[in-house]
């Protein structure tokens, strides 16, 4: 029926030139070099039902390059995840949108955030200062025990100055951490008095250090979780250079770092260089599913709606029959995209 309706309105050229390019999940090449993807598969189904002969034309570049090829007559239809925009609608014809979507926000997952929080804390200046203070206190305790033990206890703290101080520092460290190997022990009354005081001081220092580290990491984790509830202006955002995310953020006057590709943007997110990424939802879901599962969470925050459609030259007779086929399949395709089928 659809095939008859199409032949009544036009006489298409024998072989349609269908423009495609690498744009997961809508169009990509498999290991054998064959085109596949949501938009490509949908076009194959529609072309089969309408009895259309076609061949794929690889047009390098982004969707703008593809639309230029369409307007210049180098292709007859664009079978990609083309976003419907008012500006382009004046120059090309869109099919009925086959997948309504939006810009989406991506954050590091809680598991990734925990690991990043610990690493960020260990590399912080505050942690370095505290560790330096502990080492200094341990060194001073070692110097004190060496000074009173080196003559009367040469087996444990004697010998050359550097060797004796090293032994005393080792004793102070294992005593503070309550390990107490027993390989170095003070024997003089003064030395044992110093050791007793240092034991109590060590217990206090270790308890303080443990509580401080636990609290600091917990604060860092809470800070990471709270990122998802902050406004865009409060976040370090990343987006694709020249993409819809960058245009949206520029219109909202929100600063963001721009990256060459979506994978580069997500790599920066996982590395902690940015707090969140603003990307097109279908592409984002595909990349998270295939490369960042368990590392990145997609947050359902409404930013800007994006409708995906095929594109034709203005007045193309293909538009009406293709629209009928899309409407017949739209629910099925939306389910496929969302569930990665």
Protein backbone atom coordinates (compact mmCIF):
# COMPACT_ATOMS: atom_id res chain seq x y z
CA UNK A 1 0.00 0.00 0.00
CA UNK A 2 2.79 2.41 0.93
CA UNK A 3 4.62 1.50 -2.26
CA UNK A 4 1.58 2.36 -4.40
CA UNK A 5 1.10 5.69 -2.63
CA UNK A 6 4.65 6.67 -3.33
CA UNK A 7 4.57 5.82 -7.03
CA UNK A 8 1.46 7.96 -7.40
CA UNK A 9 3.20 11.14 -6.30
CA UNK A 10 6.58 10.88 -7.97
CA UNK A 11 8.93 9.05 -10.26
CA UNK A 12 12.12 8.69 -8.26
CA UNK A 13 15.50 8.23 -9.77
CA UNK A 14 16.52 4.56 -10.12
CA UNK A 15 18.97 4.65 -7.20
CA UNK A 16 18.66 7.12 -4.33
CA UNK A 17 21.85 8.52 -2.82
CA UNK A 18 21.50 8.22 0.96
CA UNK A 19 23.94 10.34 2.93
CA UNK A 20 25.46 8.79 6.07
CA UNK A 21 28.50 9.29 8.28
CA UNK A 22 29.83 7.92 11.55
CA UNK A 23 27.44 9.16 14.23
CA UNK A 24 26.67 6.49 16.85
CA UNK A 25 24.11 5.27 17.67
CA UNK A 26 22.28 6.46 14.56
CA UNK A 27 24.88 5.44 11.96
CA UNK A 28 28.16 3.55 12.26
CA UNK A 29 30.15 0.88 10.44
CA UNK A 30 30.43 -2.62 11.86
CA UNK A 31 33.54 -4.82 11.76
CA UNK A 32 32.74 -5.79 8.15
CA UNK A 33 32.40 -2.19 7.02
CA UNK A 34 28.62 -2.38 6.68
CA UNK A 35 26.49 0.53 7.78
CA UNK A 36 24.20 -0.03 10.73
CA UNK A 37 22.59 1.99 13.51
CA UNK A 38 19.12 3.18 14.47
CA UNK A 39 18.67 5.65 11.61
CA UNK A 40 20.29 3.37 9.02
CA UNK A 41 18.23 0.36 10.10
CA UNK A 42 15.05 2.42 10.04
CA UNK A 43 15.84 3.65 6.53
CA UNK A 44 16.45 0.08 5.35
CA UNK A 45 13.04 -0.99 6.66
CA UNK A 46 11.26 1.98 5.08
CA UNK A 47 13.07 1.62 1.76
CA UNK A 48 12.20 -2.07 1.70
CA UNK A 49 8.49 -1.40 2.28
CA UNK A 50 8.44 1.40 -0.32
CA UNK A 51 10.46 -0.56 -2.87
CA UNK A 52 13.19 2.08 -3.08
CA UNK A 53 16.57 1.37 -4.61
CA UNK A 54 19.38 3.24 -2.85
CA UNK A 55 23.08 3.29 -2.04
CA UNK A 56 24.83 4.82 0.95
CA UNK A 57 27.10 7.80 0.37
CA UNK A 58 29.67 8.44 3.12
CA UNK A 59 29.85 12.20 3.70
CA UNK A 60 32.71 13.04 6.11
CA UNK A 61 32.08 15.67 8.75
CA UNK A 62 29.26 16.56 11.10
CA UNK A 63 25.54 16.92 10.42
CA UNK A 64 26.10 20.42 9.03
CA UNK A 65 28.41 19.00 6.35
CA UNK A 66 25.75 16.41 5.58
CA UNK A 67 23.05 19.05 5.19
CA UNK A 68 25.32 21.05 2.88
CA UNK A 69 25.72 17.97 0.71
CA UNK A 70 21.92 17.66 0.62
CA UNK A 71 21.40 21.30 -0.39
CA UNK A 72 24.12 21.03 -3.03
CA UNK A 73 22.40 17.99 -4.59
CA UNK A 74 25.15 15.48 -3.79
CA UNK A 75 22.72 13.27 -1.83
CA UNK A 76 18.95 12.75 -2.05
CA UNK A 77 18.25 12.01 1.61
CA UNK A 78 20.17 12.15 4.88
CA UNK A 79 19.72 9.04 7.03
CA UNK A 80 21.30 10.22 10.26
CA UNK A 81 20.29 11.48 13.66
CA UNK A 82 19.67 14.94 12.18
CA UNK A 83 18.41 17.41 14.77
CA UNK A 84 15.43 19.46 13.67
CA UNK A 85 16.19 23.19 13.94
CA UNK A 86 14.17 26.22 12.79
CA UNK A 87 17.17 27.62 10.92
CA UNK A 88 17.68 24.52 8.77
CA UNK A 89 13.93 24.02 8.28
CA UNK A 90 14.00 27.07 5.96
CA UNK A 91 16.43 25.31 3.62
CA UNK A 92 15.65 21.58 3.85
CA UNK A 93 12.59 19.43 4.49
CA UNK A 94 12.45 17.19 7.52
CA UNK A 95 10.61 13.93 7.89
CA UNK A 96 8.35 13.33 10.84
CA UNK A 97 10.65 13.10 13.92
CA UNK A 98 11.31 9.46 14.63
CA UNK A 99 12.98 10.01 17.99
CA UNK A 100 12.19 12.86 20.40
CA UNK A 101 15.09 13.45 22.77
CA UNK A 102 17.00 16.20 24.58
CA UNK A 103 20.35 17.42 25.77
CA UNK A 104 21.38 15.43 28.84
CA UNK A 105 23.72 15.90 31.77
CA UNK A 106 26.28 13.24 32.67
CA UNK A 107 28.03 12.97 36.06
CA UNK A 108 30.58 10.57 37.45
CA UNK A 109 28.81 7.66 39.11
CA UNK A 110 28.98 7.26 42.90
CA UNK A 111 31.53 4.45 42.59
CA UNK A 112 33.73 6.55 40.34
CA UNK A 113 33.19 9.60 42.54
CA UNK A 114 34.30 7.72 45.65
CA UNK A 115 37.55 6.64 44.05
CA UNK A 116 38.11 10.12 42.69
CA UNK A 117 37.35 11.64 46.10
CA UNK A 118 39.98 9.46 47.79
CA UNK A 119 42.58 10.18 45.11
CA UNK A 120 41.80 13.90 45.16
CA UNK A 121 42.18 13.94 48.95
CA UNK A 122 45.48 12.02 48.93
CA UNK A 123 46.91 14.48 46.42
CA UNK A 124 45.66 17.56 48.27
CA UNK A 125 47.93 20.12 49.90
CA UNK A 126 46.16 19.66 53.23
CA UNK A 127 47.01 15.95 53.30
CA UNK A 128 50.65 16.73 52.50
CA UNK A 129 50.82 19.24 55.37
CA UNK A 130 49.39 16.77 57.90
CA UNK A 131 51.70 13.98 56.74
CA UNK A 132 54.64 16.36 57.01
CA UNK A 133 53.62 17.25 60.58
CA UNK A 134 53.37 13.59 61.58
CA UNK A 135 56.79 12.83 60.10
CA UNK A 136 58.30 15.83 61.91
CA UNK A 137 56.82 14.76 65.26
CA UNK A 138 58.09 11.23 64.72
CA UNK A 139 61.55 12.52 63.82
CA UNK A 140 61.73 14.70 66.96
CA UNK A 141 60.67 11.78 69.15
CA UNK A 142 63.38 9.67 67.51
CA UNK A 143 66.03 12.35 68.07
CA UNK A 144 65.05 12.58 71.74
CA UNK A 145 65.22 8.82 72.34
CA UNK A 146 68.52 8.61 70.47
CA UNK A 147 70.02 11.37 72.61
CA UNK A 148 69.31 9.56 75.86
CA UNK A 149 69.89 5.96 74.69
CA UNK A 150 72.82 6.08 72.30
CA UNK A 151 75.55 5.69 74.96
CA UNK A 152 73.90 3.26 77.36
CA UNK A 153 72.03 1.25 74.70
CA UNK A 154 74.45 1.14 71.74
CA UNK A 155 73.11 -2.20 70.47
CA UNK A 156 69.78 -0.56 69.55
CA UNK A 157 70.55 3.13 69.10
CA UNK A 158 74.32 3.37 68.90
CA UNK A 159 76.84 3.30 66.10
CA UNK A 160 77.35 6.14 63.66
CA UNK A 161 75.16 9.17 64.11
CA UNK A 162 73.11 8.63 60.95
CA UNK A 163 72.60 4.94 61.75
CA UNK A 164 71.58 5.69 65.34
CA UNK A 165 69.12 8.40 64.37
CA UNK A 166 67.68 6.12 61.69
CA UNK A 167 67.12 3.37 64.24
CA UNK A 168 65.49 5.85 66.63
CA UNK A 169 63.21 7.18 63.89
CA UNK A 170 62.17 3.62 63.04
CA UNK A 171 61.40 2.95 66.72
CA UNK A 172 59.31 6.15 66.99
CA UNK A 173 57.34 5.28 63.86
CA UNK A 174 56.44 1.69 64.87
CA UNK A 175 55.64 2.85 68.42
CA UNK A 176 53.32 5.64 67.24
CA UNK A 177 51.43 3.28 64.93
CA UNK A 178 51.16 0.72 67.80
CA UNK A 179 52.91 -1.95 65.71
CA UNK A 180 55.78 -2.33 68.15
CA UNK A 181 58.06 -4.93 66.57
CA UNK A 182 60.31 -4.98 69.65
CA UNK A 183 63.50 -4.95 67.61
CA UNK A 184 64.43 -1.56 69.09
CA UNK A 185 63.56 -0.80 72.75
CA UNK A 186 64.78 1.83 75.23
CA UNK A 187 66.48 0.51 78.40
CA UNK A 188 67.31 3.59 80.45
CA UNK A 189 64.77 5.12 82.88
CA UNK A 190 64.75 8.37 80.90
CA UNK A 191 64.31 6.49 77.65
CA UNK A 192 61.41 4.46 79.00
CA UNK A 193 59.75 7.60 80.37
CA UNK A 194 60.02 9.21 76.93
CA UNK A 195 58.69 6.01 75.36
CA UNK A 196 55.67 5.99 77.69
CA UNK A 197 54.78 9.57 76.84
CA UNK A 198 55.31 8.93 73.12
CA UNK A 199 53.01 5.89 73.23
CA UNK A 200 50.12 7.98 74.55
CA UNK A 201 50.89 10.80 72.13
CA UNK A 202 51.06 8.28 69.27
CA UNK A 203 47.64 6.83 70.15
CA UNK A 204 46.15 10.33 70.10
CA UNK A 205 47.89 11.27 66.82
CA UNK A 206 46.85 8.06 65.04
CA UNK A 207 43.25 8.39 66.27
CA UNK A 208 43.15 12.00 65.12
CA UNK A 209 44.66 11.13 61.75
CA UNK A 210 42.20 8.26 61.15
CA UNK A 211 39.17 10.37 62.08
CA UNK A 212 40.41 13.28 59.97
CA UNK A 213 40.97 11.14 56.88
CA UNK A 214 37.55 9.50 57.22
CA UNK A 215 35.80 12.85 57.65
CA UNK A 216 37.69 14.49 54.79
CA UNK A 217 36.87 11.70 52.33
CA UNK A 218 33.22 11.69 53.46
CA UNK A 219 33.00 15.44 52.87
CA UNK A 220 34.54 15.00 49.43
CA UNK A 221 31.98 12.29 48.56
CA UNK A 222 29.07 14.40 49.78
CA UNK A 223 30.40 17.25 47.69
CA UNK A 224 30.47 15.01 44.59
CA UNK A 225 26.92 13.75 45.18
CA UNK A 226 25.63 17.27 45.68
CA UNK A 227 26.92 18.23 42.23
CA UNK A 228 23.81 16.76 40.65
CA UNK A 229 21.63 19.23 42.54
CA UNK A 230 23.60 22.34 41.64
CA UNK A 231 22.65 24.81 38.96
CA UNK A 232 24.56 24.85 35.69
CA UNK A 233 26.33 28.06 36.68
CA UNK A 234 27.86 26.30 39.71
CA UNK A 235 29.30 23.38 37.74
CA UNK A 236 32.46 22.93 35.70
CA UNK A 237 30.79 21.87 32.47
CA UNK A 238 32.11 20.22 29.34
CA UNK A 239 30.57 19.96 25.87
CA UNK A 240 31.48 19.19 22.26
CA UNK A 241 32.96 22.08 20.30
CA UNK A 242 30.38 23.38 17.82
CA UNK A 243 27.72 20.97 19.11
CA UNK A 244 24.21 21.64 20.33
CA UNK A 245 25.37 21.54 23.94
CA UNK A 246 27.82 24.37 23.35
CA UNK A 247 25.18 26.43 21.57
CA UNK A 248 22.69 25.87 24.36
CA UNK A 249 25.17 26.84 27.08
CA UNK A 250 26.29 29.91 25.12
CA UNK A 251 22.67 31.04 24.81
CA UNK A 252 22.26 30.58 28.57
CA UNK A 253 25.54 32.47 29.14
CA UNK A 254 27.02 29.50 31.02
CA UNK A 255 30.76 28.90 30.74
CA UNK A 256 31.94 25.45 29.63
CA UNK A 257 35.10 23.74 28.42
CA UNK A 258 34.78 22.51 24.85
CA UNK A 259 36.25 19.24 23.56
CA UNK A 260 36.77 17.93 20.04
CA UNK A 261 34.59 14.84 20.50
CA UNK A 262 32.06 13.41 22.93
CA UNK A 263 34.48 10.61 24.02
CA UNK A 264 37.08 13.28 24.86
CA UNK A 265 34.49 15.12 26.93
CA UNK A 266 33.53 11.98 28.86
CA UNK A 267 37.18 11.07 29.44
CA UNK A 268 37.66 14.50 31.05
CA UNK A 269 34.59 13.85 33.19
CA UNK A 270 35.90 10.50 34.46
CA UNK A 271 39.30 12.10 35.14
CA UNK A 272 37.67 14.79 37.29
CA UNK A 273 38.62 17.70 35.02
CA UNK A 274 34.96 18.70 34.76
CA UNK A 275 31.93 18.14 37.00
CA UNK A 276 29.40 17.30 34.28
CA UNK A 277 29.08 16.87 30.51
CA UNK A 278 26.28 18.33 28.38
CA UNK A 279 25.73 16.04 25.40
CA UNK A 280 22.96 14.75 23.16
CA UNK A 281 21.12 12.02 25.02
CA UNK A 282 21.21 9.22 22.38
CA UNK A 283 24.94 9.63 21.78
CA UNK A 284 25.56 9.90 25.51
CA UNK A 285 23.62 6.72 26.30
CA UNK A 286 25.47 4.84 23.56
CA UNK A 287 28.91 5.92 24.81
CA UNK A 288 28.10 5.17 28.44
CA UNK A 289 26.74 1.74 27.52
CA UNK A 290 29.70 0.79 25.33
CA UNK A 291 32.65 2.45 27.08
CA UNK A 292 31.74 3.91 30.49
CA UNK A 293 29.29 1.48 32.08
CA UNK A 294 29.36 1.91 35.86
CA UNK A 295 31.49 5.05 35.64
CA UNK A 296 29.00 7.66 34.46
CA UNK A 297 25.41 8.41 35.47
CA UNK A 298 22.97 10.16 33.13
CA UNK A 299 20.76 12.58 35.05
CA UNK A 300 17.21 13.17 33.76
CA UNK A 301 17.34 16.96 33.91
CA UNK A 302 15.40 18.81 31.23
CA UNK A 303 17.67 21.11 29.24
CA UNK A 304 16.69 21.49 25.59
CA UNK A 305 14.51 19.21 23.49
CA UNK A 306 15.99 17.71 20.32
CA UNK A 307 13.91 15.92 17.67
CA UNK A 308 15.70 13.59 15.25
CA UNK A 309 14.49 13.13 11.68
CA UNK A 310 15.56 12.34 8.12
CA UNK A 311 16.30 15.30 5.86
CA UNK A 312 15.28 15.83 2.20
CA UNK A 313 15.69 18.62 -0.34
CA UNK A 314 12.87 21.15 -0.27
CA UNK A 315 9.78 19.76 -2.03
CA UNK A 316 11.05 16.18 -2.18
CA UNK A 317 8.33 13.65 -3.11
CA UNK A 318 9.94 11.22 -0.66
CA UNK A 319 8.78 13.18 2.37
CA UNK A 320 5.12 12.12 2.49
CA UNK A 321 5.52 8.33 2.01
CA UNK A 322 8.50 8.23 4.37
CA UNK A 323 6.46 10.10 6.99
CA UNK A 324 3.73 7.49 6.81
CA UNK A 325 6.27 4.73 7.41
CA UNK A 326 7.90 6.58 10.31
CA UNK A 327 4.58 7.18 12.05
CA UNK A 328 3.84 3.50 11.75
CA UNK A 329 7.16 2.58 13.45
CA UNK A 330 7.86 5.49 15.79
CA UNK A 331 6.98 3.76 19.05
CA UNK A 332 9.08 0.73 18.14
CA UNK A 333 12.13 2.81 17.22
CA UNK A 334 11.95 4.90 20.39
CA UNK A 335 11.97 1.70 22.44
CA UNK A 336 15.01 0.41 20.51
CA UNK A 337 17.03 3.57 21.07
CA UNK A 338 16.29 3.77 24.78
CA UNK A 339 17.08 0.10 25.42
CA UNK A 340 20.07 -0.24 23.08
CA UNK A 341 18.47 -2.85 20.81
